Amino acid sequence: SPDTVAERIRAALTHVPPERLVPAPDCGMKYLPRPLAFAKLQALSAGAALVRAEI
C-alpha cells in the first residue's frame, strides 16, 4: 500500500539524504501478473508522492 511504501521511504531517509534516494522496485516483478505488477508500481509512486509532499 502507499502508506507502507511511505513508511519504508521515511525509514530509508534516516540513512540517506533525499537527493540520493531513488525508490524503485526490487527484482521479482517479471513473474507477477501484469495487473498486480502495475498495482505495485502505483503504490510505489503514491507512497513516494506522500513523502515528497512532506519534505
Protein backbone atom coordinates (compact mmCIF):
# COMPACT_ATOMS: atom_id res chain seq x y z
CA SER A 1 0.00 0.00 0.00
CA PRO A 2 1.15 3.59 -0.46
CA ASP A 3 1.29 4.01 3.33
CA THR A 4 3.65 1.04 3.69
CA VAL A 5 5.85 2.37 0.90
CA ALA A 6 5.91 5.80 2.54
CA GLU A 7 6.92 4.28 5.89
CA ARG A 8 9.81 2.44 4.25
CA ILE A 9 10.95 5.55 2.40
CA ARG A 10 10.88 7.54 5.65
CA ALA A 11 12.98 4.84 7.30
CA ALA A 12 15.49 4.96 4.45
CA LEU A 13 15.69 8.74 4.76
CA THR A 14 17.18 8.31 8.24
CA HIS A 15 20.26 6.87 6.48
CA VAL A 16 20.29 8.53 3.04
CA PRO A 17 19.71 12.17 2.09
CA PRO A 18 16.60 12.74 -0.05
CA GLU A 19 18.58 13.83 -3.09
CA ARG A 20 20.34 10.43 -3.15
CA LEU A 21 17.33 8.18 -2.50
CA VAL A 22 15.62 6.65 -5.53
CA PRO A 23 12.62 4.48 -4.63
CA ALA A 24 12.47 1.62 -7.12
CA PRO A 25 11.06 -1.91 -7.20
CA ASP A 26 13.41 -4.76 -6.48
CA CYS A 27 13.60 -7.74 -8.79
CA GLY A 28 10.73 -10.20 -8.98
CA MET A 29 8.18 -8.21 -10.99
CA LYS A 30 8.78 -10.26 -14.14
CA TYR A 31 6.70 -13.21 -12.99
CA LEU A 32 3.81 -11.25 -11.49
CA PRO A 33 0.54 -10.92 -13.35
CA ARG A 34 0.51 -7.59 -15.16
CA PRO A 35 -2.36 -6.06 -13.09
CA LEU A 36 -0.53 -6.90 -9.85
CA ALA A 37 2.75 -5.50 -11.15
CA PHE A 38 1.03 -2.25 -12.14
CA ALA A 39 -0.69 -2.07 -8.73
CA LYS A 40 2.68 -2.40 -7.00
CA LEU A 41 4.15 0.35 -9.18
CA GLN A 42 1.17 2.60 -8.45
CA ALA A 43 1.64 2.01 -4.71
CA LEU A 44 5.33 2.87 -5.06
CA SER A 45 4.52 6.06 -6.93
CA ALA A 46 1.78 7.11 -4.49
CA GLY A 47 3.96 6.35 -1.45
CA ALA A 48 6.82 8.40 -2.89
CA ALA A 49 4.41 11.27 -3.54
CA LEU A 50 3.26 11.19 0.09
CA VAL A 51 6.82 11.52 1.36
CA ARG A 52 7.76 14.08 -1.29
CA ALA A 53 4.93 16.30 -0.06
CA GLU A 54 6.41 16.16 3.47
CA ILE A 55 9.97 17.21 2.59
